[in-house]
Amino acid sequence: MKLGFHVSIVDSLDQSFDKARQLGCSAFQIFTRNPRTWRSKPLDEAIIEAFRWKHRTYGIGSVFSHMPYLPNLASPDETIYRKSVDSLIEEVERCHLLGIRFVVTHMGSHVGSGAERGKARIIQALYRAIEHDGPVILLENGSGSGNHLGSHLEEVAEILATVGGSRVGSCFDTCHAYGAGYDVATKEGLAQTLRIIRKTIGFDKLMLVHLNDSYGDLSSGIDHHAHIGLGKIGEEGFRNILASQLARRPMVMETPIDDRRCDADNMDKVIELAGLSRQ
């Protein structure tokens, strides 16, 4: 089982490997830049070299990048859309330099312009991004809020099929799925969700699982991550998830850090629910 966290890069990009190793990660995710701004600093050659060296030598092969928060690949606003596409291309190029094989992106909101127009914008953005050498772009499912696309797995599958090829795939977030109405908290609901994944996206395109509990109820449209087992999916839900086909993919937690638990506690909980032991 490949398991880990979204890890901070506050010290430096290459230090993310040290933090991941301290947590016992066999997979992890990072932002390669400040996620709350359009601006980014060019990657320093020394940082690139250090990152690649640790990637080769630390024994953590599954490393994922996540796009910043601001881009909206489905936006009808031409200025926002242009900046969003440029940001995706930049992330692809940064990952290529760092040797990161996968980048996760939210699909974005059509902001009232309509789902079909929003999907067309996303498809065009992906076509432009994969013209550049670099990682597989993973579309993350949404939580069902507002005009955000990707909350229905059929939408994700449609875009993947239209773009085609090996440069696009998917990331399945358990919290988002639950908020969007996929009942991964029950054994029957999880089995139905897995059948839908097989029929739509296909497990050959599912490259990453975001393993997050949900503060929101089923079908609430709420994207608010909870500690593993302490939210509405619950311990039994995660016990089932960790025994399912989803556990054959790398799993990254994006859980909060607060007085209730830290990352190490969530790691221990997942290992317990999976019936494993620390190496």
Protein backbone atom coordinates (compact mmCIF):
# COMPACT_ATOMS: atom_id res chain seq x y z
CA MET A 1 0.00 0.00 0.00
CA LYS A 2 1.42 3.37 -1.06
CA LEU A 3 0.32 5.93 1.50
CA GLY A 4 1.21 9.48 2.48
CA PHE A 5 0.20 13.13 2.80
CA HIS A 6 0.19 16.47 1.10
CA VAL A 7 3.51 17.77 2.43
CA SER A 8 4.57 21.38 2.98
CA ILE A 9 7.35 22.97 0.91
CA VAL A 10 7.77 25.90 3.31
CA ASP A 11 11.49 25.20 3.82
CA SER A 12 12.32 24.16 0.26
CA LEU A 13 11.00 21.82 -2.39
CA ASP A 14 13.55 19.09 -1.75
CA GLN A 15 12.87 19.17 2.01
CA SER A 16 9.44 17.72 1.23
CA PHE A 17 11.18 14.36 0.83
CA ASP A 18 12.66 14.61 4.32
CA LYS A 19 9.27 15.48 5.80
CA ALA A 20 7.60 12.64 3.93
CA ARG A 21 10.24 10.16 5.08
CA GLN A 22 9.84 11.27 8.71
CA LEU A 23 6.11 10.54 8.44
CA GLY A 24 6.73 7.10 6.96
CA CYS A 25 5.24 8.03 3.59
CA SER A 26 5.55 5.80 0.55
CA ALA A 27 3.74 8.44 -1.53
CA PHE A 28 3.19 12.18 -1.13
CA GLN A 29 1.91 15.32 -2.81
CA ILE A 30 3.19 18.90 -2.90
CA PHE A 31 2.59 22.30 -4.38
CA THR A 32 5.66 23.21 -6.41
CA ARG A 33 4.97 26.92 -5.73
CA ASN A 34 2.85 29.24 -3.63
CA PRO A 35 -0.72 28.00 -4.25
CA ARG A 36 -2.40 31.32 -3.39
CA THR A 37 -0.87 33.56 -6.03
CA TRP A 38 -0.51 33.65 -9.81
CA ARG A 39 3.16 34.55 -9.51
CA SER A 40 5.92 31.98 -9.07
CA LYS A 41 9.67 32.01 -8.83
CA PRO A 42 11.67 30.11 -11.46
CA LEU A 43 13.08 26.84 -10.19
CA ASP A 44 16.70 27.11 -9.09
CA GLU A 45 19.07 24.57 -10.64
CA ALA A 46 20.38 23.54 -7.21
CA ILE A 47 16.82 22.88 -6.00
CA ILE A 48 16.04 20.83 -9.11
CA GLU A 49 19.19 18.76 -8.60
CA ALA A 50 18.50 18.23 -4.88
CA PHE A 51 14.87 17.27 -5.54
CA ARG A 52 15.79 14.79 -8.26
CA TRP A 53 18.60 13.27 -6.13
CA LYS A 54 16.25 12.67 -3.19
CA HIS A 55 13.62 11.26 -5.55
CA ARG A 56 16.18 8.71 -6.76
CA THR A 57 17.64 7.83 -3.38
CA TYR A 58 14.90 8.12 -0.73
CA GLY A 59 12.82 5.21 -1.94
CA ILE A 60 9.60 7.24 -2.35
CA GLY A 61 8.68 6.79 -5.97
CA SER A 62 5.08 8.07 -5.98
CA VAL A 63 5.28 11.87 -5.94
CA PHE A 64 2.41 14.08 -7.07
CA SER A 65 2.07 17.81 -7.67
CA HIS A 66 -1.15 19.73 -7.12
CA MET A 67 -2.14 22.82 -9.07
CA PRO A 68 -2.51 26.14 -7.16
CA TYR A 69 -5.93 27.29 -5.94
CA LEU A 70 -6.53 30.27 -8.26
CA PRO A 71 -6.75 28.73 -11.76
CA ASN A 72 -10.18 27.92 -13.19
CA LEU A 73 -9.88 25.87 -16.36
CA ALA A 74 -13.63 26.15 -17.03
CA SER A 75 -13.90 29.92 -16.61
CA PRO A 76 -15.86 31.92 -19.23
CA ASP A 77 -13.80 35.00 -18.34
CA GLU A 78 -11.08 35.29 -21.00
CA THR A 79 -8.50 36.86 -18.69
CA ILE A 80 -8.98 34.27 -15.94
CA TYR A 81 -9.04 31.45 -18.49
CA ARG A 82 -5.82 32.58 -20.19
CA LYS A 83 -4.03 32.89 -16.84
CA SER A 84 -5.38 29.48 -15.80
CA VAL A 85 -4.16 27.74 -18.93
CA ASP A 86 -0.78 29.44 -18.63
CA SER A 87 -0.61 28.29 -15.00
CA LEU A 88 -1.33 24.68 -16.00
CA ILE A 89 1.34 24.79 -18.70
CA GLU A 90 3.79 26.28 -16.22
CA GLU A 91 3.04 23.50 -13.74
CA VAL A 92 3.57 20.87 -16.42
CA GLU A 93 6.95 22.41 -17.24
CA ARG A 94 7.95 22.65 -13.55
CA CYS A 95 7.05 19.01 -12.98
CA HIS A 96 9.04 18.02 -16.05
CA LEU A 97 12.12 19.76 -14.63
CA LEU A 98 11.63 18.15 -11.22
CA GLY A 99 10.88 14.67 -12.56
CA ILE A 100 7.35 14.58 -11.09
CA ARG A 101 5.20 12.24 -13.16
CA PHE A 102 1.71 13.38 -12.12
CA VAL A 103 -0.02 16.71 -11.51
CA VAL A 104 -3.52 16.97 -10.00
CA THR A 105 -5.92 19.71 -11.06
CA HIS A 106 -9.46 20.66 -10.13
CA MET A 107 -11.69 20.96 -13.16
CA GLY A 108 -13.08 24.35 -12.19
CA SER A 109 -16.42 26.16 -12.33
CA HIS A 110 -18.33 27.22 -15.42
CA VAL A 111 -19.61 30.22 -13.38
CA GLY A 112 -23.08 29.97 -14.87
CA SER A 113 -21.98 29.73 -18.50
CA GLY A 114 -23.18 26.12 -18.72
CA ALA A 115 -21.60 22.72 -18.24
CA GLU A 116 -21.04 22.06 -21.94
CA ARG A 117 -19.14 25.31 -22.45
CA GLY A 118 -17.16 24.66 -19.27
CA LYS A 119 -16.18 21.16 -20.40
CA ALA A 120 -15.10 22.52 -23.79
CA ARG A 121 -12.83 25.03 -22.04
CA ILE A 122 -11.24 22.30 -19.92
CA ILE A 123 -10.67 20.08 -22.95
CA GLN A 124 -8.97 22.93 -24.84
CA ALA A 125 -6.78 23.68 -21.82
CA LEU A 126 -5.70 20.04 -21.60
CA TYR A 127 -4.90 19.90 -25.32
CA ARG A 128 -2.65 22.93 -24.94
CA ALA A 129 -0.94 21.61 -21.80
CA ILE A 130 -0.08 18.17 -23.20
CA GLU A 131 1.71 19.79 -26.12
CA HIS A 132 4.49 20.31 -23.56
CA ASP A 133 6.60 17.42 -22.27
CA GLY A 134 5.82 16.52 -18.70
CA PRO A 135 3.51 14.70 -16.31
CA VAL A 136 0.18 12.99 -16.63
CA ILE A 137 -2.56 15.51 -15.74
CA LEU A 138 -5.02 14.04 -13.25
CA LEU A 139 -8.55 15.47 -13.11
CA GLU A 140 -9.89 15.49 -9.55
CA ASN A 141 -13.56 14.79 -8.92
CA GLY A 142 -15.59 17.58 -7.33
CA SER A 143 -17.84 17.76 -4.27
CA GLY A 144 -21.02 18.86 -6.03
CA SER A 145 -20.90 22.51 -4.99
CA GLY A 146 -22.25 25.30 -7.16
CA ASN A 147 -21.24 25.27 -10.83
CA HIS A 148 -18.11 23.19 -10.30
CA LEU A 149 -17.52 20.48 -12.87
CA GLY A 150 -16.36 16.93 -12.23
CA SER A 151 -18.74 16.09 -9.39
CA HIS A 152 -20.29 13.45 -11.65
CA LEU A 153 -17.77 10.82 -12.65
CA GLU A 154 -19.40 10.70 -16.08
CA GLU A 155 -18.17 14.27 -16.67
CA VAL A 156 -14.61 13.30 -15.78
CA ALA A 157 -14.82 10.25 -18.06
CA GLU A 158 -16.20 12.30 -20.96
CA ILE A 159 -13.30 14.75 -20.84
CA LEU A 160 -10.71 11.98 -20.51
CA ALA A 161 -12.18 10.13 -23.48
CA THR A 162 -12.29 13.28 -25.61
CA VAL A 163 -8.67 14.24 -24.92
CA GLY A 164 -7.49 10.63 -25.07
CA GLY A 165 -3.96 9.33 -24.84
CA SER A 166 -1.70 8.60 -21.90
CA ARG A 167 -1.18 12.18 -20.69
CA VAL A 168 -4.52 12.48 -18.85
CA GLY A 169 -5.96 10.48 -15.96
CA SER A 170 -7.99 10.91 -12.79
CA CYS A 171 -7.68 11.44 -9.05
CA PHE A 172 -10.53 10.20 -6.82
CA ASP A 173 -11.15 12.18 -3.63
CA THR A 174 -13.25 10.29 -1.07
CA CYS A 175 -14.48 13.45 0.70
CA HIS A 176 -15.49 15.09 -2.57
CA ALA A 177 -17.21 11.91 -3.76
CA TYR A 178 -19.22 11.67 -0.55
CA GLY A 179 -20.28 15.31 -0.78
CA ALA A 180 -21.34 14.72 -4.39
CA GLY A 181 -23.58 11.79 -3.44
CA TYR A 182 -21.34 8.74 -3.83
CA ASP A 183 -21.94 6.79 -0.61
CA VAL A 184 -18.44 5.47 0.03
CA ALA A 185 -19.30 5.24 3.75
CA THR A 186 -21.32 2.04 3.39
CA LYS A 187 -20.24 -1.30 1.96
CA GLU A 188 -23.09 -1.30 -0.55
CA GLY A 189 -22.52 2.31 -1.54
CA LEU A 190 -18.80 1.77 -1.99
CA ALA A 191 -19.43 -1.29 -4.18
CA GLN A 192 -21.80 0.78 -6.34
CA THR A 193 -19.25 3.60 -6.56
CA LEU A 194 -16.55 1.17 -7.68
CA ARG A 195 -18.88 -0.16 -10.37
CA ILE A 196 -19.45 3.40 -11.59
CA ILE A 197 -15.68 4.07 -11.67
CA ARG A 198 -15.13 0.91 -13.74
CA LYS A 199 -17.95 1.83 -16.14
CA THR A 200 -16.96 5.49 -16.58
CA ILE A 201 -13.37 6.50 -15.83
CA GLY A 202 -11.91 3.00 -15.65
CA PHE A 203 -9.33 1.90 -13.12
CA ASP A 204 -6.64 2.10 -15.79
CA LYS A 205 -7.09 5.90 -15.69
CA LEU A 206 -7.36 6.19 -11.90
CA MET A 207 -3.83 7.05 -10.75
CA LEU A 208 -4.33 8.52 -7.27
CA VAL A 209 -6.77 8.49 -4.35
CA HIS A 210 -7.14 11.48 -2.04
CA LEU A 211 -8.00 9.74 1.21
CA ASN A 212 -10.06 12.24 3.20
CA ASP A 213 -12.99 12.01 5.60
CA SER A 214 -15.86 14.51 5.27
CA TYR A 215 -17.37 16.99 7.71
CA GLY A 216 -20.32 17.34 5.34
CA ASP A 217 -23.19 14.91 4.95
CA LEU A 218 -23.80 12.67 1.97
CA SER A 219 -24.84 14.76 -1.08
CA SER A 220 -24.24 17.99 0.88
CA GLY A 221 -21.94 19.50 -1.74
CA ILE A 222 -19.56 20.41 1.08
CA ASP A 223 -15.78 20.20 0.50
CA HIS A 224 -14.48 20.17 4.07
CA HIS A 225 -11.93 17.49 4.91
CA ALA A 226 -11.99 15.72 8.27
CA HIS A 227 -9.50 13.43 10.02
CA ILE A 228 -9.69 9.79 8.97
CA GLY A 229 -12.61 8.14 10.76
CA LEU A 230 -13.75 11.28 12.59
CA GLY A 231 -16.06 12.54 9.85
CA LYS A 232 -19.24 11.29 8.21
CA ILE A 233 -17.49 8.50 6.27
CA GLY A 234 -16.28 7.09 9.58
CA GLU A 235 -13.95 4.29 10.61
CA GLU A 236 -16.04 1.50 9.13
CA GLY A 237 -16.24 3.36 5.85
CA PHE A 238 -12.47 3.68 5.66
CA ARG A 239 -11.99 0.07 6.73
CA ASN A 240 -13.99 -0.89 3.63
CA ILE A 241 -12.21 1.61 1.38
CA LEU A 242 -8.81 0.33 2.50
CA ALA A 243 -9.86 -3.23 1.69
CA SER A 244 -11.14 -2.24 -1.78
CA GLN A 245 -9.62 -1.82 -5.22
CA LEU A 246 -8.99 1.84 -4.39
CA ALA A 247 -6.16 0.75 -2.07
CA ARG A 248 -4.24 -0.55 -5.07
CA ARG A 249 -3.56 3.05 -6.04
CA PRO A 250 -1.32 5.51 -4.17
CA MET A 251 -3.34 7.23 -1.44
CA VAL A 252 -2.56 10.74 -0.22
CA MET A 253 -4.26 12.33 2.79
CA GLU A 254 -5.11 16.03 2.84
CA THR A 255 -6.30 15.98 6.43
CA PRO A 256 -6.31 19.00 8.77
CA ILE A 257 -3.67 19.60 11.42
CA ASP A 258 -5.31 20.68 14.67
CA ASP A 259 -5.67 19.76 18.34
CA ARG A 260 -7.57 16.59 17.51
CA ARG A 261 -4.87 14.91 15.43
CA CYS A 262 -1.61 15.41 13.55
CA ASP A 263 -0.45 13.69 10.36
CA ALA A 264 1.28 10.90 12.27
CA ASP A 265 -1.99 10.13 14.09
CA ASN A 266 -3.86 9.87 10.80
CA MET A 267 -1.16 7.60 9.42
CA ASP A 268 -1.51 5.35 12.47
CA LYS A 269 -5.29 5.29 12.06
CA VAL A 270 -5.11 4.27 8.40
CA ILE A 271 -2.58 1.53 9.20
CA GLU A 272 -4.87 0.29 11.97
CA LEU A 273 -7.99 0.30 9.78
CA ALA A 274 -6.12 -1.43 6.96
CA GLY A 275 -4.99 -4.15 9.35
CA LEU A 276 -1.34 -3.43 8.67
CA SER A 277 1.65 -2.77 10.88
CA ARG A 278 4.38 -0.14 10.64
CA GLN A 279 7.56 -1.36 9.01
